[in-house]
Amino acid sequence: MSDVAVKPMTAIEIDPALVTVTASAANRLLSIKQEKELSDEYALRVFVAGGGCSGLQYGMSFDDQTNEGDTEFYASGLRVLVDPMSAQYIGGASIDYIDSLMGGGFKIDNPNATSSCGCGSSFKPKDGEAAASGGGCGSGAGGGCGCH
């Protein structure tokens, strides 16, 4: 017999920094936080919710509450929170901020998505659990998306 202690496995093993936030995105989010005069108690909450053209939609908000089960980490000086349900759909994703002549916006690159809405705010997960909740693109081919 071995004297090695075995750590019990949990249902979902989550990397402490399960979402990558680029320096550009973190700088823009910190700027927004400052514009809104939010204290250091506020963190960026990254989540998914049902809806959108493709079944699930991304969301980000500033939150001053940490809930049981939240994963908390820091990215480029920004405190980030992700709830356990969202973690299974966005683990490994990257959030970037793109500023171009056409305007700026956040872009999420999610390895767990099989297809994305043309506007990039919703996706269909690989496990297919989330059924598309409405018309629109859903195919990731772009054009005519009504989920803005």
C-alpha atoms as a PDB file:
ATOM      1  CA  MET A   1       0.000   0.000   0.000  1.00  0.00           C
ATOM      2  CA  SER A   2       1.157   3.516  -0.716  1.00  0.00           C
ATOM      3  CA  ASP A   3       1.138   6.381   1.779  1.00  0.00           C
ATOM      4  CA  VAL A   4       0.252   8.896  -0.934  1.00  0.00           C
ATOM      5  CA  ALA A   5      -2.873  10.924  -0.180  1.00  0.00           C
ATOM      6  CA  VAL A   6      -5.377  10.963  -3.008  1.00  0.00           C
ATOM      7  CA  LYS A   7      -7.254  14.193  -3.613  1.00  0.00           C
ATOM      8  CA  PRO A   8     -10.940  13.525  -4.342  1.00  0.00           C
ATOM      9  CA  MET A   9     -11.994  14.528  -7.860  1.00  0.00           C
ATOM     10  CA  THR A  10     -14.741  17.053  -8.328  1.00  0.00           C
ATOM     11  CA  ALA A  11     -17.280  16.871 -11.144  1.00  0.00           C
ATOM     12  CA  ILE A  12     -15.584  19.696 -13.053  1.00  0.00           C
ATOM     13  CA  GLU A  13     -11.913  20.534 -12.642  1.00  0.00           C
ATOM     14  CA  ILE A  14     -11.582  24.248 -13.440  1.00  0.00           C
ATOM     15  CA  ASP A  15      -8.373  26.057 -14.290  1.00  0.00           C
ATOM     16  CA  PRO A  16      -8.007  29.074 -11.972  1.00  0.00           C
ATOM     17  CA  ALA A  17      -7.695  31.371 -14.990  1.00  0.00           C
ATOM     18  CA  LEU A  18     -10.324  29.655 -17.086  1.00  0.00           C
ATOM     19  CA  VAL A  19     -10.899  32.685 -19.322  1.00  0.00           C
ATOM     20  CA  THR A  20      -8.076  34.681 -20.867  1.00  0.00           C
ATOM     21  CA  VAL A  21      -8.581  38.434 -20.869  1.00  0.00           C
ATOM     22  CA  THR A  22      -6.126  40.221 -23.148  1.00  0.00           C
ATOM     23  CA  ALA A  23      -4.349  43.355 -21.953  1.00  0.00           C
ATOM     24  CA  SER A  24      -6.378  45.382 -24.470  1.00  0.00           C
ATOM     25  CA  ALA A  25      -9.690  44.041 -23.100  1.00  0.00           C
ATOM     26  CA  ALA A  26      -8.589  44.457 -19.481  1.00  0.00           C
ATOM     27  CA  ASN A  27      -7.486  48.052 -20.113  1.00  0.00           C
ATOM     28  CA  ARG A  28     -10.827  48.898 -21.756  1.00  0.00           C
ATOM     29  CA  LEU A  29     -12.799  47.228 -18.960  1.00  0.00           C
ATOM     30  CA  LEU A  30     -10.766  48.993 -16.271  1.00  0.00           C
ATOM     31  CA  SER A  31     -11.434  52.250 -18.112  1.00  0.00           C
ATOM     32  CA  ILE A  32     -15.188  51.550 -18.151  1.00  0.00           C
ATOM     33  CA  LYS A  33     -15.060  50.663 -14.457  1.00  0.00           C
ATOM     34  CA  GLN A  34     -13.336  53.983 -13.730  1.00  0.00           C
ATOM     35  CA  GLU A  35     -15.839  55.922 -15.883  1.00  0.00           C
ATOM     36  CA  LYS A  36     -18.685  54.365 -13.887  1.00  0.00           C
ATOM     37  CA  GLU A  37     -16.825  55.239 -10.654  1.00  0.00           C
ATOM     38  CA  LEU A  38     -17.011  51.653  -9.383  1.00  0.00           C
ATOM     39  CA  SER A  39     -14.982  50.733  -6.310  1.00  0.00           C
ATOM     40  CA  ASP A  40     -12.390  47.947  -6.114  1.00  0.00           C
ATOM     41  CA  GLU A  41     -15.149  45.730  -4.679  1.00  0.00           C
ATOM     42  CA  TYR A  42     -16.488  45.321  -8.224  1.00  0.00           C
ATOM     43  CA  ALA A  43     -15.220  42.520 -10.449  1.00  0.00           C
ATOM     44  CA  LEU A  44     -15.969  41.640 -14.034  1.00  0.00           C
ATOM     45  CA  ARG A  45     -18.518  38.820 -14.110  1.00  0.00           C
ATOM     46  CA  VAL A  46     -18.315  36.762 -17.314  1.00  0.00           C
ATOM     47  CA  PHE A  47     -21.307  34.484 -17.917  1.00  0.00           C
ATOM     48  CA  VAL A  48     -23.484  32.730 -20.431  1.00  0.00           C
ATOM     49  CA  ALA A  49     -27.279  32.762 -20.515  1.00  0.00           C
ATOM     50  CA  GLY A  50     -29.915  31.118 -22.660  1.00  0.00           C
ATOM     51  CA  GLY A  51     -31.013  33.040 -25.720  1.00  0.00           C
ATOM     52  CA  GLY A  52     -29.477  34.696 -28.708  1.00  0.00           C
ATOM     53  CA  CYS A  53     -29.571  33.391 -32.242  1.00  0.00           C
ATOM     54  CA  SER A  54     -27.461  30.314 -31.562  1.00  0.00           C
ATOM     55  CA  GLY A  55     -28.749  29.080 -28.199  1.00  0.00           C
ATOM     56  CA  LEU A  56     -26.474  30.672 -25.598  1.00  0.00           C
ATOM     57  CA  GLN A  57     -25.321  34.257 -25.360  1.00  0.00           C
ATOM     58  CA  TYR A  58     -22.285  35.802 -23.719  1.00  0.00           C
ATOM     59  CA  GLY A  59     -22.603  38.376 -20.990  1.00  0.00           C
ATOM     60  CA  MET A  60     -20.288  40.598 -19.000  1.00  0.00           C
ATOM     61  CA  SER A  61     -21.173  42.901 -16.138  1.00  0.00           C
ATOM     62  CA  PHE A  62     -19.551  44.460 -13.109  1.00  0.00           C
ATOM     63  CA  ASP A  63     -20.602  42.741  -9.900  1.00  0.00           C
ATOM     64  CA  ASP A  64     -19.783  43.475  -6.261  1.00  0.00           C
ATOM     65  CA  GLN A  65     -20.992  40.065  -5.045  1.00  0.00           C
ATOM     66  CA  THR A  66     -19.075  36.792  -5.090  1.00  0.00           C
ATOM     67  CA  ASN A  67     -21.399  33.793  -5.137  1.00  0.00           C
ATOM     68  CA  GLU A  68     -20.769  30.296  -3.820  1.00  0.00           C
ATOM     69  CA  GLY A  69     -18.945  28.258  -6.447  1.00  0.00           C
ATOM     70  CA  ASP A  70     -17.620  31.266  -8.388  1.00  0.00           C
ATOM     71  CA  THR A  71     -14.124  30.965  -9.808  1.00  0.00           C
ATOM     72  CA  GLU A  72     -12.210  34.164  -9.087  1.00  0.00           C
ATOM     73  CA  PHE A  73      -8.950  35.190 -10.747  1.00  0.00           C
ATOM     74  CA  TYR A  74      -7.038  38.247 -11.937  1.00  0.00           C
ATOM     75  CA  ALA A  75      -6.218  39.112 -15.538  1.00  0.00           C
ATOM     76  CA  SER A  76      -4.029  42.141 -16.280  1.00  0.00           C
ATOM     77  CA  GLY A  77      -5.069  43.775 -13.001  1.00  0.00           C
ATOM     78  CA  LEU A  78      -8.777  43.038 -13.501  1.00  0.00           C
ATOM     79  CA  ARG A  79     -10.626  40.831 -11.005  1.00  0.00           C
ATOM     80  CA  VAL A  80     -12.805  38.304 -12.885  1.00  0.00           C
ATOM     81  CA  LEU A  81     -15.653  36.072 -11.660  1.00  0.00           C
ATOM     82  CA  VAL A  82     -17.179  33.089 -13.490  1.00  0.00           C
ATOM     83  CA  ASP A  83     -20.039  30.990 -12.114  1.00  0.00           C
ATOM     84  CA  PRO A  84     -19.811  27.160 -12.329  1.00  0.00           C
ATOM     85  CA  MET A  85     -22.519  26.752 -14.998  1.00  0.00           C
ATOM     86  CA  SER A  86     -20.896  29.320 -17.280  1.00  0.00           C
ATOM     87  CA  ALA A  87     -17.438  27.824 -16.692  1.00  0.00           C
ATOM     88  CA  GLN A  88     -18.402  24.617 -18.483  1.00  0.00           C
ATOM     89  CA  TYR A  89     -19.320  26.580 -21.621  1.00  0.00           C
ATOM     90  CA  ILE A  90     -16.557  29.194 -21.696  1.00  0.00           C
ATOM     91  CA  GLY A  91     -13.553  27.428 -20.164  1.00  0.00           C
ATOM     92  CA  GLY A  92     -10.536  28.207 -22.352  1.00  0.00           C
ATOM     93  CA  ALA A  93     -12.187  31.203 -24.021  1.00  0.00           C
ATOM     94  CA  SER A  94     -10.353  34.432 -24.741  1.00  0.00           C
ATOM     95  CA  ILE A  95     -11.813  37.932 -24.439  1.00  0.00           C
ATOM     96  CA  ASP A  96     -10.207  40.646 -26.534  1.00  0.00           C
ATOM     97  CA  TYR A  97     -11.054  44.260 -27.300  1.00  0.00           C
ATOM     98  CA  ILE A  98     -10.731  45.334 -30.923  1.00  0.00           C
ATOM     99  CA  ASP A  99     -10.639  49.043 -31.780  1.00  0.00           C
ATOM    100  CA  SER A 100     -10.914  49.791 -35.489  1.00  0.00           C
ATOM    101  CA  LEU A 101     -12.165  52.446 -37.877  1.00  0.00           C
ATOM    102  CA  MET A 102     -15.568  50.739 -37.771  1.00  0.00           C
ATOM    103  CA  GLY A 103     -15.698  51.119 -33.988  1.00  0.00           C
ATOM    104  CA  GLY A 104     -14.585  49.146 -30.986  1.00  0.00           C
ATOM    105  CA  GLY A 105     -15.967  46.051 -29.381  1.00  0.00           C
ATOM    106  CA  PHE A 106     -15.245  42.956 -27.350  1.00  0.00           C
ATOM    107  CA  LYS A 107     -14.522  39.727 -29.210  1.00  0.00           C
ATOM    108  CA  ILE A 108     -14.817  36.324 -27.558  1.00  0.00           C
ATOM    109  CA  ASP A 109     -12.956  33.365 -29.032  1.00  0.00           C
ATOM    110  CA  ASN A 110     -14.539  30.268 -27.493  1.00  0.00           C
ATOM    111  CA  PRO A 111     -13.136  26.780 -28.209  1.00  0.00           C
ATOM    112  CA  ASN A 112     -16.358  25.275 -26.799  1.00  0.00           C
ATOM    113  CA  ALA A 113     -18.555  26.743 -29.543  1.00  0.00           C
ATOM    114  CA  THR A 114     -19.450  24.731 -32.632  1.00  0.00           C
ATOM    115  CA  SER A 115     -21.000  27.757 -34.309  1.00  0.00           C
ATOM    116  CA  SER A 116     -21.443  31.431 -33.525  1.00  0.00           C
ATOM    117  CA  CYS A 117     -23.925  34.118 -34.393  1.00  0.00           C
ATOM    118  CA  GLY A 118     -22.811  36.566 -37.084  1.00  0.00           C
ATOM    119  CA  CYS A 119     -22.587  39.375 -34.521  1.00  0.00           C
ATOM    120  CA  GLY A 120     -20.498  37.193 -32.171  1.00  0.00           C
ATOM    121  CA  SER A 121     -22.690  37.614 -29.100  1.00  0.00           C
ATOM    122  CA  SER A 122     -24.216  34.121 -29.102  1.00  0.00           C
ATOM    123  CA  PHE A 123     -23.017  30.596 -29.783  1.00  0.00           C
ATOM    124  CA  LYS A 124     -23.993  26.950 -29.950  1.00  0.00           C
ATOM    125  CA  PRO A 125     -21.986  24.791 -27.520  1.00  0.00           C
ATOM    126  CA  LYS A 126     -20.240  21.588 -28.615  1.00  0.00           C
ATOM    127  CA  ASP A 127     -22.433  19.462 -26.350  1.00  0.00           C
ATOM    128  CA  GLY A 128     -25.534  20.759 -28.149  1.00  0.00           C
ATOM    129  CA  GLU A 129     -27.522  21.146 -24.900  1.00  0.00           C
ATOM    130  CA  ALA A 130     -28.718  24.648 -25.656  1.00  0.00           C
ATOM    131  CA  ALA A 131     -31.367  24.658 -28.338  1.00  0.00           C
ATOM    132  CA  ALA A 132     -31.568  27.670 -30.587  1.00  0.00           C
ATOM    133  CA  SER A 133     -34.217  29.945 -29.164  1.00  0.00           C
ATOM    134  CA  GLY A 134     -35.134  31.900 -32.216  1.00  0.00           C
ATOM    135  CA  GLY A 135     -34.536  32.617 -35.849  1.00  0.00           C
ATOM    136  CA  GLY A 136     -31.497  34.381 -37.110  1.00  0.00           C
ATOM    137  CA  CYS A 137     -28.163  33.280 -38.306  1.00  0.00           C
ATOM    138  CA  GLY A 138     -27.140  30.460 -35.948  1.00  0.00           C
ATOM    139  CA  SER A 139     -24.854  29.087 -38.631  1.00  0.00           C
ATOM    140  CA  GLY A 140     -21.976  31.428 -38.003  1.00  0.00           C
ATOM    141  CA  ALA A 141     -22.128  32.509 -41.639  1.00  0.00           C
ATOM    142  CA  GLY A 142     -22.888  36.100 -40.673  1.00  0.00           C
ATOM    143  CA  GLY A 143     -25.486  38.495 -42.027  1.00  0.00           C
ATOM    144  CA  GLY A 144     -28.948  39.454 -40.792  1.00  0.00           C
ATOM    145  CA  CYS A 145     -28.521  38.675 -37.139  1.00  0.00           C
ATOM    146  CA  GLY A 146     -31.213  39.994 -34.843  1.00  0.00           C
ATOM    147  CA  CYS A 147     -29.412  39.490 -31.554  1.00  0.00           C
ATOM    148  CA  HIS A 148     -27.720  42.874 -31.184  1.00  0.00           C
END
